[in-house]
Amino acid sequence: MFTPVLLHLGEGYAIICLVVEDDRQVMSPDPMSPNSTPQNPESPDRVAREPDPHAGRKAWMSLLAQAAPARLQTALADLGDAPDHDWLRRPERGAVMVRGRAGGTGAAFNLGEMSVTRCALALACGTVGHAYVPGRDAGHATRAALCDALLQTGRAAQVEAQILAPLRAAAAADAAAKAASADGTRVDFFTMVRGED
């Protein structure tokens, strides 16, 4: 599964990476060496990972970025008037290099460039919202940044119920439709054993 992750590299520089999530065991670099043993993720020798304090925000930013622009526009319109905001960074278009790994674990390679639009805004209360969305739609980036900012305010529950929940349901329905479409083309292979007559 690929998960987009936003990485800030300093003042005005950021990249979006696609991270492959994998639950396989970790091996030392040389499995033939005598000191090499598989490391079980539950092993006490393994360093415990701290829970990510930004996991929720990463999830909603990913959902907003991957949402169909028309769906996000409709959902935000149903929320009511858009709040007043000041631009910290007006929508601007650019490109990022998408990297991949063969089989999810191989050496990294440059898959190709992808166009993105980013923006940053501040609500009247001072809350800052950011957005990086695929493509060149400035309106989509603006709406995603507004939602990001609202989700950090007292209106978070309302935005969750009226925007994020329908977008999650639509994404699940789209995934199910794609799976059903692909399932129609599945071929089952089997081996027939010839008996002696």
N, C-alpha and C. Protein backbone atom coordinates (compact mmCIF):
# COMPACT_ATOMS: atom_id res chain seq x y z
N MET A 1 0.84 -1.17 0.00
CA MET A 1 0.00 0.00 0.00
C MET A 1 0.89 1.23 0.00
N PHE A 2 0.59 2.20 -0.84
CA PHE A 2 1.35 3.43 -0.90
C PHE A 2 0.65 4.49 -0.07
N THR A 3 1.42 5.22 0.71
CA THR A 3 0.90 6.30 1.52
C THR A 3 1.69 7.56 1.20
N PRO A 4 0.99 8.65 0.79
CA PRO A 4 1.74 9.88 0.55
C PRO A 4 2.16 10.51 1.88
N VAL A 5 3.39 10.94 1.96
CA VAL A 5 3.92 11.56 3.17
C VAL A 5 4.57 12.87 2.78
N LEU A 6 4.24 13.92 3.51
CA LEU A 6 4.79 15.24 3.25
C LEU A 6 6.03 15.43 4.11
N LEU A 7 7.14 15.77 3.48
CA LEU A 7 8.39 15.99 4.19
C LEU A 7 8.83 17.43 3.98
N HIS A 8 9.02 18.19 5.06
CA HIS A 8 9.51 19.56 4.96
C HIS A 8 11.03 19.53 4.98
N LEU A 9 11.65 20.20 4.03
CA LEU A 9 13.09 20.22 3.94
C LEU A 9 13.68 21.56 4.39
N GLY A 10 12.87 22.46 4.88
CA GLY A 10 13.35 23.76 5.31
C GLY A 10 12.44 24.85 4.80
N GLU A 11 12.87 26.06 4.91
CA GLU A 11 12.09 27.23 4.53
C GLU A 11 11.68 27.16 3.06
N GLY A 12 10.41 26.94 2.80
CA GLY A 12 9.90 26.97 1.44
C GLY A 12 10.14 25.72 0.61
N TYR A 13 10.76 24.69 1.17
CA TYR A 13 11.03 23.48 0.40
C TYR A 13 10.34 22.30 1.05
N ALA A 14 9.65 21.52 0.25
CA ALA A 14 9.00 20.32 0.75
C ALA A 14 8.86 19.34 -0.41
N ILE A 15 8.77 18.08 -0.08
CA ILE A 15 8.55 17.05 -1.10
C ILE A 15 7.46 16.11 -0.60
N ILE A 16 6.83 15.45 -1.53
CA ILE A 16 5.85 14.43 -1.19
C ILE A 16 6.45 13.10 -1.62
N CYS A 17 6.51 12.15 -0.72
CA CYS A 17 7.03 10.83 -1.02
C CYS A 17 5.89 9.83 -0.94
N LEU A 18 5.98 8.79 -1.72
CA LEU A 18 5.05 7.68 -1.61
C LEU A 18 5.77 6.60 -0.84
N VAL A 19 5.27 6.27 0.34
CA VAL A 19 5.92 5.31 1.22
C VAL A 19 5.20 3.98 1.10
N VAL A 20 5.94 2.93 0.93
CA VAL A 20 5.38 1.59 0.85
C VAL A 20 5.30 1.03 2.26
N GLU A 21 4.09 0.64 2.67
CA GLU A 21 3.93 0.04 3.98
C GLU A 21 4.08 -1.46 3.83
N ASP A 22 4.90 -2.06 4.69
CA ASP A 22 5.20 -3.48 4.59
C ASP A 22 5.32 -4.04 6.00
N ASP A 23 4.70 -5.19 6.26
CA ASP A 23 4.70 -5.79 7.58
C ASP A 23 5.66 -6.96 7.69
N ARG A 24 6.62 -7.08 6.79
CA ARG A 24 7.54 -8.21 6.81
C ARG A 24 8.55 -8.06 7.94
N GLN A 25 9.18 -9.18 8.30
CA GLN A 25 10.22 -9.15 9.33
C GLN A 25 11.45 -8.43 8.79
N VAL A 26 12.19 -7.82 9.70
CA VAL A 26 13.40 -7.09 9.33
C VAL A 26 14.58 -8.04 9.45
N MET A 27 15.44 -8.07 8.42
CA MET A 27 16.64 -8.91 8.43
C MET A 27 17.86 -8.00 8.46
N SER A 28 18.94 -8.51 9.00
CA SER A 28 20.20 -7.76 8.92
C SER A 28 20.67 -7.80 7.47
N PRO A 29 21.60 -6.91 7.06
CA PRO A 29 21.96 -6.80 5.65
C PRO A 29 22.48 -8.09 5.01
N ASP A 30 23.22 -8.91 5.73
CA ASP A 30 23.76 -10.13 5.13
C ASP A 30 23.15 -11.35 5.83
N PRO A 31 22.12 -11.97 5.23
CA PRO A 31 21.47 -13.10 5.90
C PRO A 31 22.36 -14.32 6.03
N MET A 32 23.50 -14.38 5.32
CA MET A 32 24.38 -15.53 5.41
C MET A 32 25.42 -15.40 6.52
N SER A 33 25.55 -14.21 7.12
CA SER A 33 26.56 -14.03 8.17
C SER A 33 26.11 -14.74 9.43
N PRO A 34 27.04 -15.24 10.25
CA PRO A 34 26.68 -15.98 11.45
C PRO A 34 25.96 -15.14 12.49
N ASN A 35 26.15 -13.83 12.46
CA ASN A 35 25.50 -12.95 13.43
C ASN A 35 24.13 -12.47 12.97
N SER A 36 23.68 -12.99 11.83
CA SER A 36 22.44 -12.51 11.25
C SER A 36 21.26 -13.33 11.75
N THR A 37 20.30 -12.65 12.33
CA THR A 37 19.06 -13.31 12.76
C THR A 37 17.89 -12.41 12.44
N PRO A 38 16.74 -13.00 12.09
CA PRO A 38 15.56 -12.17 11.86
C PRO A 38 15.17 -11.46 13.15
N GLN A 39 14.76 -10.22 13.01
CA GLN A 39 14.32 -9.45 14.17
C GLN A 39 12.81 -9.43 14.19
N ASN A 40 12.24 -10.04 15.19
CA ASN A 40 10.79 -10.05 15.33
C ASN A 40 10.33 -8.68 15.78
N PRO A 41 9.30 -8.09 15.13
CA PRO A 41 8.84 -6.77 15.55
C PRO A 41 8.40 -6.71 17.01
N GLU A 42 7.97 -7.83 17.59
CA GLU A 42 7.53 -7.85 18.98
C GLU A 42 8.68 -8.10 19.96
N SER A 43 9.89 -8.30 19.45
CA SER A 43 11.03 -8.61 20.29
C SER A 43 11.37 -7.44 21.21
N PRO A 44 11.71 -7.73 22.50
CA PRO A 44 12.08 -6.64 23.40
C PRO A 44 13.40 -5.99 23.02
N ASP A 45 14.22 -6.69 22.19
CA ASP A 45 15.49 -6.12 21.75
C ASP A 45 15.28 -5.00 20.74
N ARG A 46 14.15 -5.02 20.11
CA ARG A 46 13.85 -4.01 19.10
C ARG A 46 13.43 -2.71 19.79
N VAL A 47 13.88 -1.60 19.27
CA VAL A 47 13.55 -0.31 19.86
C VAL A 47 12.06 -0.04 19.66
N ALA A 48 11.38 0.32 20.74
CA ALA A 48 9.95 0.59 20.67
C ALA A 48 9.72 1.89 19.91
N ARG A 49 8.77 1.86 19.02
CA ARG A 49 8.44 3.06 18.25
C ARG A 49 7.43 3.89 19.03
N GLU A 50 7.69 5.17 19.06
CA GLU A 50 6.75 6.08 19.69
C GLU A 50 5.56 6.28 18.77
N PRO A 51 4.36 6.42 19.33
CA PRO A 51 3.22 6.69 18.47
C PRO A 51 3.39 8.06 17.80
N ASP A 52 2.99 8.14 16.56
CA ASP A 52 3.15 9.37 15.80
C ASP A 52 2.08 10.37 16.24
N PRO A 53 2.49 11.51 16.81
CA PRO A 53 1.50 12.48 17.28
C PRO A 53 0.76 13.17 16.13
N HIS A 54 1.29 13.05 14.91
CA HIS A 54 0.67 13.71 13.76
C HIS A 54 -0.06 12.72 12.85
N ALA A 55 -0.28 11.51 13.31
CA ALA A 55 -0.89 10.47 12.46
C ALA A 55 -2.27 10.89 11.99
N GLY A 56 -3.07 11.48 12.86
CA GLY A 56 -4.41 11.90 12.48
C GLY A 56 -4.38 12.94 11.39
N ARG A 57 -3.49 13.93 11.55
CA ARG A 57 -3.41 14.99 10.54
C ARG A 57 -2.89 14.44 9.22
N LYS A 58 -1.92 13.54 9.26
CA LYS A 58 -1.42 12.93 8.02
C LYS A 58 -2.55 12.20 7.30
N ALA A 59 -3.38 11.50 8.07
CA ALA A 59 -4.47 10.74 7.47
C ALA A 59 -5.48 11.66 6.80
N TRP A 60 -5.89 12.75 7.46
CA TRP A 60 -6.89 13.61 6.83
C TRP A 60 -6.29 14.40 5.67
N MET A 61 -5.01 14.77 5.75
CA MET A 61 -4.40 15.48 4.62
C MET A 61 -4.30 14.56 3.41
N SER A 62 -4.00 13.29 3.65
CA SER A 62 -3.95 12.31 2.57
C SER A 62 -5.33 12.13 1.94
N LEU A 63 -6.35 12.01 2.79
CA LEU A 63 -7.72 11.84 2.30
C LEU A 63 -8.16 13.04 1.49
N LEU A 64 -7.89 14.26 1.97
CA LEU A 64 -8.27 15.48 1.26
C LEU A 64 -7.54 15.60 -0.07
N ALA A 65 -6.26 15.22 -0.09
CA ALA A 65 -5.47 15.32 -1.32
C ALA A 65 -5.95 14.32 -2.37
N GLN A 66 -6.36 13.13 -1.93
CA GLN A 66 -6.76 12.09 -2.88
C GLN A 66 -8.24 12.17 -3.25
N ALA A 67 -9.00 13.02 -2.57
CA ALA A 67 -10.43 13.13 -2.87
C ALA A 67 -10.65 13.74 -4.25
N ALA A 68 -11.73 13.34 -4.89
CA ALA A 68 -12.10 13.96 -6.15
C ALA A 68 -12.42 15.43 -5.89
N PRO A 69 -11.86 16.35 -6.68
CA PRO A 69 -12.09 17.77 -6.42
C PRO A 69 -13.57 18.15 -6.36
N ALA A 70 -14.40 17.57 -7.21
CA ALA A 70 -15.82 17.90 -7.20
C ALA A 70 -16.49 17.45 -5.90
N ARG A 71 -16.10 16.28 -5.39
CA ARG A 71 -16.67 15.80 -4.12
C ARG A 71 -16.29 16.71 -2.96
N LEU A 72 -15.02 17.13 -2.93
CA LEU A 72 -14.58 18.02 -1.86
C LEU A 72 -15.28 19.36 -1.96
N GLN A 73 -15.47 19.87 -3.17
CA GLN A 73 -16.16 21.14 -3.36
C GLN A 73 -17.60 21.06 -2.85
N THR A 74 -18.30 19.98 -3.19
CA THR A 74 -19.68 19.79 -2.74
C THR A 74 -19.75 19.67 -1.23
N ALA A 75 -18.85 18.89 -0.65
CA ALA A 75 -18.87 18.69 0.80
C ALA A 75 -18.57 19.98 1.55
N LEU A 76 -17.64 20.77 1.05
CA LEU A 76 -17.31 22.03 1.71
C LEU A 76 -18.44 23.04 1.55
N ALA A 77 -19.12 23.01 0.41
CA ALA A 77 -20.27 23.90 0.21
C ALA A 77 -21.40 23.55 1.18
N ASP A 78 -21.59 22.26 1.46
CA ASP A 78 -22.62 21.83 2.40
C ASP A 78 -22.31 22.27 3.83
N LEU A 79 -21.03 22.54 4.11
CA LEU A 79 -20.61 22.97 5.44
C LEU A 79 -21.04 24.40 5.73
N GLY A 80 -21.28 25.17 4.69
CA GLY A 80 -21.67 26.57 4.87
C GLY A 80 -20.64 27.49 4.25
N ASP A 81 -20.70 28.77 4.62
CA ASP A 81 -19.77 29.75 4.07
C ASP A 81 -18.34 29.42 4.47
N ALA A 82 -17.44 29.58 3.51
CA ALA A 82 -16.02 29.35 3.79
C ALA A 82 -15.53 30.44 4.74
N PRO A 83 -14.75 30.08 5.72
CA PRO A 83 -14.26 31.09 6.67
C PRO A 83 -13.27 32.04 6.01
N ASP A 84 -13.18 33.25 6.57
CA ASP A 84 -12.21 34.21 6.07
C ASP A 84 -10.81 33.70 6.35
N HIS A 85 -9.92 33.97 5.42
CA HIS A 85 -8.54 33.54 5.60
C HIS A 85 -7.59 34.49 4.90
N ASP A 86 -6.35 34.47 5.33
CA ASP A 86 -5.28 35.22 4.68
C ASP A 86 -4.31 34.21 4.07
N TRP A 87 -3.78 34.55 2.92
CA TRP A 87 -2.83 33.65 2.26
C TRP A 87 -1.46 33.76 2.88
N LEU A 88 -0.89 32.64 3.24
CA LEU A 88 0.52 32.58 3.59
C LEU A 88 1.34 32.21 2.36
N ARG A 89 0.76 31.34 1.54
CA ARG A 89 1.33 30.96 0.25
C ARG A 89 0.16 30.67 -0.68
N ARG A 90 -0.01 31.54 -1.67
CA ARG A 90 -1.09 31.34 -2.64
C ARG A 90 -0.84 30.03 -3.40
N PRO A 91 -1.89 29.43 -3.96
CA PRO A 91 -1.69 28.17 -4.69
C PRO A 91 -0.63 28.32 -5.79
N GLU A 92 0.32 27.41 -5.78
CA GLU A 92 1.36 27.41 -6.80
C GLU A 92 1.60 25.98 -7.26
N ARG A 93 1.90 25.88 -8.54
CA ARG A 93 2.07 24.56 -9.15
C ARG A 93 3.54 24.22 -9.27
N GLY A 94 3.80 22.94 -9.17
CA GLY A 94 5.18 22.47 -9.30
C GLY A 94 5.19 20.99 -9.62
N ALA A 95 6.33 20.38 -9.48
CA ALA A 95 6.46 18.95 -9.76
C ALA A 95 7.31 18.32 -8.67
N VAL A 96 7.02 17.07 -8.40
CA VAL A 96 7.81 16.29 -7.45
C VAL A 96 8.21 14.99 -8.14
N MET A 97 9.32 14.44 -7.70
CA MET A 97 9.77 13.16 -8.22
C MET A 97 9.14 12.06 -7.37
N VAL A 98 8.46 11.15 -8.01
CA VAL A 98 7.86 10.01 -7.33
C VAL A 98 8.85 8.87 -7.39
N ARG A 99 9.16 8.30 -6.23
CA ARG A 99 10.11 7.20 -6.16
C ARG A 99 9.37 5.92 -5.82
N GLY A 100 9.87 4.81 -6.28
CA GLY A 100 9.26 3.52 -6.00
C GLY A 100 10.32 2.50 -5.64
N ARG A 101 9.86 1.34 -5.22
CA ARG A 101 10.75 0.21 -4.92
C ARG A 101 10.15 -1.03 -5.56
N ALA A 102 10.96 -1.79 -6.26
CA ALA A 102 10.50 -3.02 -6.90
C ALA A 102 10.05 -4.00 -5.82
N GLY A 103 8.83 -4.44 -5.88
CA GLY A 103 8.31 -5.37 -4.90
C GLY A 103 8.11 -4.76 -3.53
N GLY A 104 8.27 -3.45 -3.41
CA GLY A 104 8.10 -2.79 -2.12
C GLY A 104 9.32 -2.85 -1.23
N THR A 105 10.32 -3.65 -1.58
CA THR A 105 11.49 -3.80 -0.72
C THR A 105 12.80 -3.62 -1.47
N GLY A 106 12.77 -3.52 -2.79
CA GLY A 106 14.00 -3.44 -3.57
C GLY A 106 14.64 -2.07 -3.48
N ALA A 107 15.65 -1.86 -4.32
CA ALA A 107 16.34 -0.58 -4.36
C ALA A 107 15.40 0.50 -4.89
N ALA A 108 15.51 1.70 -4.33
CA ALA A 108 14.66 2.81 -4.75
C ALA A 108 15.04 3.26 -6.16
N PHE A 109 14.04 3.64 -6.94
CA PHE A 109 14.29 4.17 -8.28
C PHE A 109 13.31 5.32 -8.53
N ASN A 110 13.68 6.21 -9.44
CA ASN A 110 12.81 7.33 -9.79
C ASN A 110 11.76 6.84 -10.78
N LEU A 111 10.51 6.87 -10.35
CA LEU A 111 9.42 6.40 -11.18
C LEU A 111 9.03 7.44 -12.21
N GLY A 112 9.08 8.71 -11.85
CA GLY A 112 8.73 9.79 -12.76
C GLY A 112 8.27 11.01 -12.00
N GLU A 113 8.02 12.08 -12.73
CA GLU A 113 7.58 13.31 -12.09
C GLU A 113 6.06 13.37 -12.06
N MET A 114 5.56 14.09 -11.06
CA MET A 114 4.13 14.25 -10.89
C MET A 114 3.87 15.72 -10.57
N SER A 115 2.87 16.31 -11.21
CA SER A 115 2.55 17.71 -10.92
C SER A 115 1.75 17.79 -9.63
N VAL A 116 2.03 18.80 -8.83
CA VAL A 116 1.32 19.04 -7.57
C VAL A 116 1.03 20.52 -7.44
N THR A 117 0.02 20.83 -6.65
CA THR A 117 -0.31 22.21 -6.31
C THR A 117 -0.30 22.31 -4.80
N ARG A 118 0.33 23.35 -4.28
CA ARG A 118 0.42 23.53 -2.83
C ARG A 118 -0.05 24.93 -2.46
N CYS A 119 -0.48 25.07 -1.22
CA CYS A 119 -0.83 26.38 -0.70
C CYS A 119 -0.85 26.31 0.82
N ALA A 120 -0.82 27.48 1.44
CA ALA A 120 -0.91 27.60 2.89
C ALA A 120 -1.73 28.84 3.19
N LEU A 121 -2.60 28.74 4.19
CA LEU A 121 -3.45 29.86 4.56
C LEU A 121 -3.63 29.90 6.07
N ALA A 122 -4.05 31.03 6.56
CA ALA A 122 -4.30 31.20 7.99
C ALA A 122 -5.72 31.73 8.17
N LEU A 123 -6.47 31.10 9.07
CA LEU A 123 -7.81 31.57 9.39
C LEU A 123 -7.70 32.83 10.25
N ALA A 124 -8.82 33.50 10.44
CA ALA A 124 -8.83 34.72 11.25
C ALA A 124 -8.36 34.46 12.68
N CYS A 125 -8.59 33.24 13.18
CA CYS A 125 -8.17 32.90 14.55
C CYS A 125 -6.68 32.57 14.63
N GLY A 126 -5.99 32.51 13.48
CA GLY A 126 -4.56 32.25 13.47
C GLY A 126 -4.19 30.81 13.13
N THR A 127 -5.17 29.91 13.02
CA THR A 127 -4.88 28.52 12.68
C THR A 127 -4.42 28.42 11.23
N VAL A 128 -3.35 27.68 11.02
CA VAL A 128 -2.75 27.55 9.68
C VAL A 128 -3.15 26.23 9.06
N GLY A 129 -3.53 26.27 7.80
CA GLY A 129 -3.85 25.07 7.03
C GLY A 129 -2.94 24.95 5.82
N HIS A 130 -2.49 23.74 5.55
CA HIS A 130 -1.62 23.47 4.40
C HIS A 130 -2.28 22.45 3.50
N ALA A 131 -1.89 22.44 2.24
CA ALA A 131 -2.37 21.41 1.33
C ALA A 131 -1.36 21.20 0.22
N TYR A 132 -1.16 19.95 -0.13
CA TYR A 132 -0.41 19.52 -1.31
C TYR A 132 -1.32 18.53 -2.01
N VAL A 133 -1.76 18.86 -3.21
CA VAL A 133 -2.68 17.97 -3.92
C VAL A 133 -2.09 17.62 -5.28
N PRO A 134 -2.40 16.41 -5.78
CA PRO A 134 -1.90 16.06 -7.11
C PRO A 134 -2.62 16.86 -8.18
N GLY A 135 -1.90 17.18 -9.24
CA GLY A 135 -2.51 17.90 -10.34
C GLY A 135 -2.29 19.40 -10.26
N ARG A 136 -3.09 20.13 -11.04
CA ARG A 136 -2.89 21.57 -11.17
C ARG A 136 -4.13 22.36 -10.75
N ASP A 137 -4.97 21.78 -9.92
CA ASP A 137 -6.22 22.42 -9.51
C ASP A 137 -6.00 23.28 -8.26
N ALA A 138 -5.92 24.60 -8.46
CA ALA A 138 -5.70 25.53 -7.34
C ALA A 138 -6.89 25.54 -6.39
N GLY A 139 -8.10 25.38 -6.92
CA GLY A 139 -9.30 25.34 -6.07
C GLY A 139 -9.29 24.14 -5.14
N HIS A 140 -8.86 23.00 -5.64
CA HIS A 140 -8.76 21.79 -4.81
C HIS A 140 -7.77 22.01 -3.68
N ALA A 141 -6.62 22.60 -3.99
CA ALA A 141 -5.62 22.86 -2.95
C ALA A 141 -6.17 23.83 -1.90
N THR A 142 -6.88 24.86 -2.34
CA THR A 142 -7.45 25.85 -1.41
C THR A 142 -8.46 25.19 -0.48
N ARG A 143 -9.37 24.39 -1.04
CA ARG A 143 -10.39 23.72 -0.22
C ARG A 143 -9.75 22.73 0.75
N ALA A 144 -8.72 22.01 0.31
CA ALA A 144 -8.04 21.06 1.20
C ALA A 144 -7.35 21.80 2.35
N ALA A 145 -6.74 22.95 2.06
CA ALA A 145 -6.08 23.74 3.10
C ALA A 145 -7.10 24.31 4.08
N LEU A 146 -8.26 24.75 3.58
CA LEU A 146 -9.32 25.23 4.48
C LEU A 146 -9.79 24.12 5.42
N CYS A 147 -9.98 22.93 4.87
CA CYS A 147 -10.40 21.80 5.71
C CYS A 147 -9.32 21.46 6.74
N ASP A 148 -8.05 21.48 6.32
CA ASP A 148 -6.96 21.20 7.24
C ASP A 148 -6.97 22.19 8.39
N ALA A 149 -7.18 23.46 8.10
CA ALA A 149 -7.22 24.47 9.16
C ALA A 149 -8.43 24.28 10.06
N LEU A 150 -9.60 24.03 9.47
CA LEU A 150 -10.82 23.85 10.27
C LEU A 150 -10.74 22.63 11.18
N LEU A 151 -10.03 21.60 10.74
CA LEU A 151 -9.90 20.40 11.55
C LEU A 151 -9.02 20.61 12.78
N GLN A 152 -8.35 21.74 12.85
CA GLN A 152 -7.53 22.08 14.01
C GLN A 152 -8.23 23.08 14.93
N THR A 153 -9.50 23.35 14.65
CA THR A 153 -10.27 24.31 15.45
C THR A 153 -11.41 23.59 16.16
N GLY A 154 -12.28 24.36 16.76
CA GLY A 154 -13.45 23.80 17.44
C GLY A 154 -14.48 23.21 16.50
N ARG A 155 -14.34 23.44 15.20
CA ARG A 155 -15.28 22.88 14.22
C ARG A 155 -14.82 21.52 13.70
N ALA A 156 -13.83 20.92 14.35
CA ALA A 156 -13.26 19.65 13.86
C ALA A 156 -14.31 18.55 13.76
N ALA A 157 -15.17 18.43 14.78
CA ALA A 157 -16.18 17.36 14.76
C ALA A 157 -17.16 17.55 13.61
N GLN A 158 -17.53 18.79 13.34
CA GLN A 158 -18.45 19.08 12.24
C GLN A 158 -17.80 18.75 10.89
N VAL A 159 -16.53 19.13 10.72
CA VAL A 159 -15.82 18.84 9.47
C VAL A 159 -15.63 17.34 9.31
N GLU A 160 -15.32 16.66 10.40
CA GLU A 160 -15.17 15.20 10.37
C GLU A 160 -16.46 14.53 9.89
N ALA A 161 -17.59 14.96 10.45
CA ALA A 161 -18.88 14.33 10.12
C ALA A 161 -19.37 14.70 8.72
N GLN A 162 -19.20 15.96 8.32
CA GLN A 162 -19.80 16.42 7.06
C GLN A 162 -18.86 16.34 5.87
N ILE A 163 -17.57 16.26 6.10
CA ILE A 163 -16.63 16.22 4.97
C ILE A 163 -15.82 14.93 4.95
N LEU A 164 -15.10 14.65 6.02
CA LEU A 164 -14.20 13.48 5.99
C LEU A 164 -14.94 12.16 5.93
N ALA A 165 -16.00 11.99 6.71
CA ALA A 165 -16.72 10.71 6.71
C ALA A 165 -17.29 10.40 5.32
N PRO A 166 -17.97 11.37 4.64
CA PRO A 166 -18.44 11.06 3.28
C PRO A 166 -17.30 10.80 2.29
N LEU A 167 -16.19 11.51 2.45
CA LEU A 167 -15.06 11.26 1.55
C LEU A 167 -14.47 9.87 1.76
N ARG A 168 -14.40 9.43 3.04
CA ARG A 168 -13.91 8.07 3.33
C ARG A 168 -14.85 7.03 2.72
N ALA A 169 -16.16 7.25 2.87
CA ALA A 169 -17.13 6.31 2.32
C ALA A 169 -17.03 6.26 0.80
N ALA A 170 -16.87 7.41 0.16
CA ALA A 170 -16.74 7.45 -1.30
C ALA A 170 -15.46 6.75 -1.74
N ALA A 171 -14.36 6.95 -1.00
CA ALA A 171 -13.10 6.29 -1.35
C ALA A 171 -13.22 4.78 -1.20
N ALA A 172 -13.91 4.33 -0.15
CA ALA A 172 -14.11 2.88 0.04
C ALA A 172 -14.98 2.31 -1.08
N ALA A 173 -16.02 3.04 -1.48
CA ALA A 173 -16.89 2.58 -2.57
C ALA A 173 -16.12 2.52 -3.88
N ASP A 174 -15.28 3.52 -4.14
CA ASP A 174 -14.46 3.51 -5.36
C ASP A 174 -13.50 2.32 -5.37
N ALA A 175 -12.88 2.05 -4.21
CA ALA A 175 -11.95 0.92 -4.12
C ALA A 175 -12.68 -0.40 -4.33
N ALA A 176 -13.90 -0.52 -3.77
CA ALA A 176 -14.68 -1.74 -3.95
C ALA A 176 -15.09 -1.92 -5.41
N ALA A 177 -15.45 -0.82 -6.07
CA ALA A 177 -15.83 -0.90 -7.49
C ALA A 177 -14.64 -1.32 -8.35
N LYS A 178 -13.46 -0.77 -8.05
CA LYS A 178 -12.26 -1.16 -8.80
C LYS A 178 -11.93 -2.63 -8.57
N ALA A 179 -12.07 -3.07 -7.32
CA ALA A 179 -11.79 -4.47 -7.01
C ALA A 179 -12.76 -5.40 -7.72
N ALA A 180 -14.04 -5.01 -7.75
CA ALA A 180 -15.05 -5.83 -8.44
C ALA A 180 -14.78 -5.88 -9.93
N SER A 181 -14.37 -4.75 -10.50
CA SER A 181 -14.06 -4.70 -11.93
C SER A 181 -12.85 -5.58 -12.25
N ALA A 182 -11.84 -5.51 -11.40
CA ALA A 182 -10.65 -6.34 -11.62
C ALA A 182 -10.96 -7.81 -11.39
N ASP A 183 -11.86 -8.11 -10.45
CA ASP A 183 -12.21 -9.50 -10.15
C ASP A 183 -12.88 -10.17 -11.34
N GLY A 184 -13.57 -9.38 -12.16
CA GLY A 184 -14.22 -9.93 -13.35
C GLY A 184 -13.23 -10.42 -14.39
N THR A 185 -12.00 -9.98 -14.31
CA THR A 185 -10.98 -10.40 -15.28
C THR A 185 -10.04 -11.45 -14.71
N ARG A 186 -10.33 -11.92 -13.49
CA ARG A 186 -9.44 -12.89 -12.84
C ARG A 186 -9.51 -14.24 -13.56
N VAL A 187 -8.38 -14.89 -13.67
CA VAL A 187 -8.29 -16.21 -14.26
C VAL A 187 -7.77 -17.16 -13.19
N ASP A 188 -8.49 -18.25 -12.94
CA ASP A 188 -8.04 -19.26 -11.98
C ASP A 188 -7.30 -20.35 -12.74
N PHE A 189 -6.07 -20.57 -12.35
CA PHE A 189 -5.27 -21.62 -12.96
C PHE A 189 -5.28 -22.84 -12.06
N PHE A 190 -5.35 -24.01 -12.67
CA PHE A 190 -5.32 -25.24 -11.89
C PHE A 190 -4.62 -26.31 -12.72
N THR A 191 -4.20 -27.34 -12.07
CA THR A 191 -3.50 -28.43 -12.74
C THR A 191 -4.40 -29.64 -12.76
N MET A 192 -4.54 -30.22 -13.91
CA MET A 192 -5.34 -31.44 -14.02
C MET A 192 -4.39 -32.64 -13.96
N VAL A 193 -4.74 -33.62 -13.19
CA VAL A 193 -3.94 -34.82 -13.07
C VAL A 193 -4.57 -35.87 -13.97
N ARG A 194 -3.76 -36.43 -14.85
CA ARG A 194 -4.27 -37.47 -15.74
C ARG A 194 -4.24 -38.80 -15.02
N GLY A 195 -5.33 -39.46 -14.98
CA GLY A 195 -5.38 -40.78 -14.37
C GLY A 195 -5.04 -41.87 -15.37
N GLU A 196 -4.70 -43.00 -14.85
CA GLU A 196 -4.43 -44.15 -15.71
C GLU A 196 -5.76 -44.81 -16.09
N ASP A 197 -5.93 -45.05 -17.38
CA ASP A 197 -7.17 -45.71 -17.85
C ASP A 197 -7.06 -47.19 -17.81
